[in-house]
Amino acid sequence: MKDIQLGSLVRICTPLEAGDVPELHGLVIEMTPMQHNKNIGKHLIKVLLHDGSEEHCMLTDLVLVN
């Protein structure tokens, strides 16, 4: 199994309570390590979606697309 890295094609997992949101797919274009003490070891990810927009999320919100 590959790890998510820059350039990876990913799917953003949205919470079920968000309603009927279509699955969002895109490319990882930025990975920023979190600096706050309680978030050390976590990463904020910027994903370029297919429509050209950008979405920010946590690494744990992403699933690698094969």
C-alpha atoms as a PDB file:
ATOM      1  CA  MET A   1       0.000   0.000   0.000  1.00  0.00           C
ATOM      2  CA  LYS A   2       1.355   3.409  -0.991  1.00  0.00           C
ATOM      3  CA  ASP A   3       1.410   6.414   1.303  1.00  0.00           C
ATOM      4  CA  ILE A   4      -0.252   9.669   0.335  1.00  0.00           C
ATOM      5  CA  GLN A   5       2.325  12.152  -0.936  1.00  0.00           C
ATOM      6  CA  LEU A   6       2.526  15.216  -3.193  1.00  0.00           C
ATOM      7  CA  GLY A   7       0.887  14.455  -6.537  1.00  0.00           C
ATOM      8  CA  SER A   8      -1.218  11.567  -5.186  1.00  0.00           C
ATOM      9  CA  LEU A   9      -4.758  11.176  -6.512  1.00  0.00           C
ATOM     10  CA  VAL A  10      -7.034  11.142  -3.466  1.00  0.00           C
ATOM     11  CA  ARG A  11     -10.691  11.062  -2.457  1.00  0.00           C
ATOM     12  CA  ILE A  12     -11.848  13.319   0.362  1.00  0.00           C
ATOM     13  CA  CYS A  13     -14.012  11.437   2.865  1.00  0.00           C
ATOM     14  CA  THR A  14     -16.887  13.702   3.910  1.00  0.00           C
ATOM     15  CA  PRO A  15     -18.893  13.151   7.099  1.00  0.00           C
ATOM     16  CA  LEU A  16     -22.250  11.455   6.591  1.00  0.00           C
ATOM     17  CA  GLU A  17     -23.980  14.289   8.446  1.00  0.00           C
ATOM     18  CA  ALA A  18     -22.939  16.668   5.648  1.00  0.00           C
ATOM     19  CA  GLY A  19     -25.779  15.256   3.564  1.00  0.00           C
ATOM     20  CA  ASP A  20     -25.640  14.081  -0.016  1.00  0.00           C
ATOM     21  CA  VAL A  21     -22.322  15.630  -0.957  1.00  0.00           C
ATOM     22  CA  PRO A  22     -20.704  14.184  -4.080  1.00  0.00           C
ATOM     23  CA  GLU A  23     -17.350  12.508  -3.585  1.00  0.00           C
ATOM     24  CA  LEU A  24     -14.512  14.949  -4.084  1.00  0.00           C
ATOM     25  CA  HIS A  25     -11.410  13.753  -5.940  1.00  0.00           C
ATOM     26  CA  GLY A  26      -8.224  15.648  -6.620  1.00  0.00           C
ATOM     27  CA  LEU A  27      -4.445  15.857  -6.446  1.00  0.00           C
ATOM     28  CA  VAL A  28      -2.431  16.598  -3.308  1.00  0.00           C
ATOM     29  CA  ILE A  29      -0.566  19.855  -4.031  1.00  0.00           C
ATOM     30  CA  GLU A  30       0.638  20.856  -0.565  1.00  0.00           C
ATOM     31  CA  MET A  31       1.368  19.114   2.747  1.00  0.00           C
ATOM     32  CA  THR A  32       2.030  21.372   5.746  1.00  0.00           C
ATOM     33  CA  PRO A  33       3.075  19.929   9.126  1.00  0.00           C
ATOM     34  CA  MET A  34       0.978  21.275  11.999  1.00  0.00           C
ATOM     35  CA  GLN A  35       2.972  23.360  14.512  1.00  0.00           C
ATOM     36  CA  HIS A  36       0.590  23.481  17.516  1.00  0.00           C
ATOM     37  CA  ASN A  37       1.606  21.172  20.398  1.00  0.00           C
ATOM     38  CA  LYS A  38      -1.588  19.098  20.309  1.00  0.00           C
ATOM     39  CA  ASN A  39      -1.312  18.645  16.504  1.00  0.00           C
ATOM     40  CA  ILE A  40       2.366  17.693  16.251  1.00  0.00           C
ATOM     41  CA  GLY A  41       2.727  14.851  13.743  1.00  0.00           C
ATOM     42  CA  LYS A  42      -0.445  15.812  11.835  1.00  0.00           C
ATOM     43  CA  HIS A  43      -0.532  17.475   8.416  1.00  0.00           C
ATOM     44  CA  LEU A  44      -2.811  20.037   6.799  1.00  0.00           C
ATOM     45  CA  ILE A  45      -3.313  19.053   3.161  1.00  0.00           C
ATOM     46  CA  LYS A  46      -4.279  21.210   0.185  1.00  0.00           C
ATOM     47  CA  VAL A  47      -6.044  19.269  -2.592  1.00  0.00           C
ATOM     48  CA  LEU A  48      -6.566  20.624  -6.115  1.00  0.00           C
ATOM     49  CA  LEU A  49     -10.018  19.397  -7.159  1.00  0.00           C
ATOM     50  CA  HIS A  50     -10.942  18.460 -10.741  1.00  0.00           C
ATOM     51  CA  ASP A  51     -12.981  21.661 -11.158  1.00  0.00           C
ATOM     52  CA  GLY A  52      -9.898  23.786 -10.397  1.00  0.00           C
ATOM     53  CA  SER A  53     -10.894  24.749  -6.865  1.00  0.00           C
ATOM     54  CA  GLU A  54      -8.829  23.942  -3.780  1.00  0.00           C
ATOM     55  CA  GLU A  55      -9.881  22.217  -0.581  1.00  0.00           C
ATOM     56  CA  HIS A  56      -8.015  22.085   2.737  1.00  0.00           C
ATOM     57  CA  CYS A  57      -8.338  19.033   4.965  1.00  0.00           C
ATOM     58  CA  MET A  58      -6.418  16.819   7.343  1.00  0.00           C
ATOM     59  CA  LEU A  59      -4.403  13.849   6.089  1.00  0.00           C
ATOM     60  CA  THR A  60      -6.757  11.536   8.002  1.00  0.00           C
ATOM     61  CA  ASP A  61      -9.667  12.777   5.802  1.00  0.00           C
ATOM     62  CA  LEU A  62      -8.086  11.375   2.627  1.00  0.00           C
ATOM     63  CA  VAL A  63      -8.153   8.002   0.923  1.00  0.00           C
ATOM     64  CA  LEU A  64      -5.659   7.124  -1.809  1.00  0.00           C
ATOM     65  CA  VAL A  65      -7.295   6.382  -5.178  1.00  0.00           C
ATOM     66  CA  ASN A  66      -5.762   3.501  -7.131  1.00  0.00           C
END
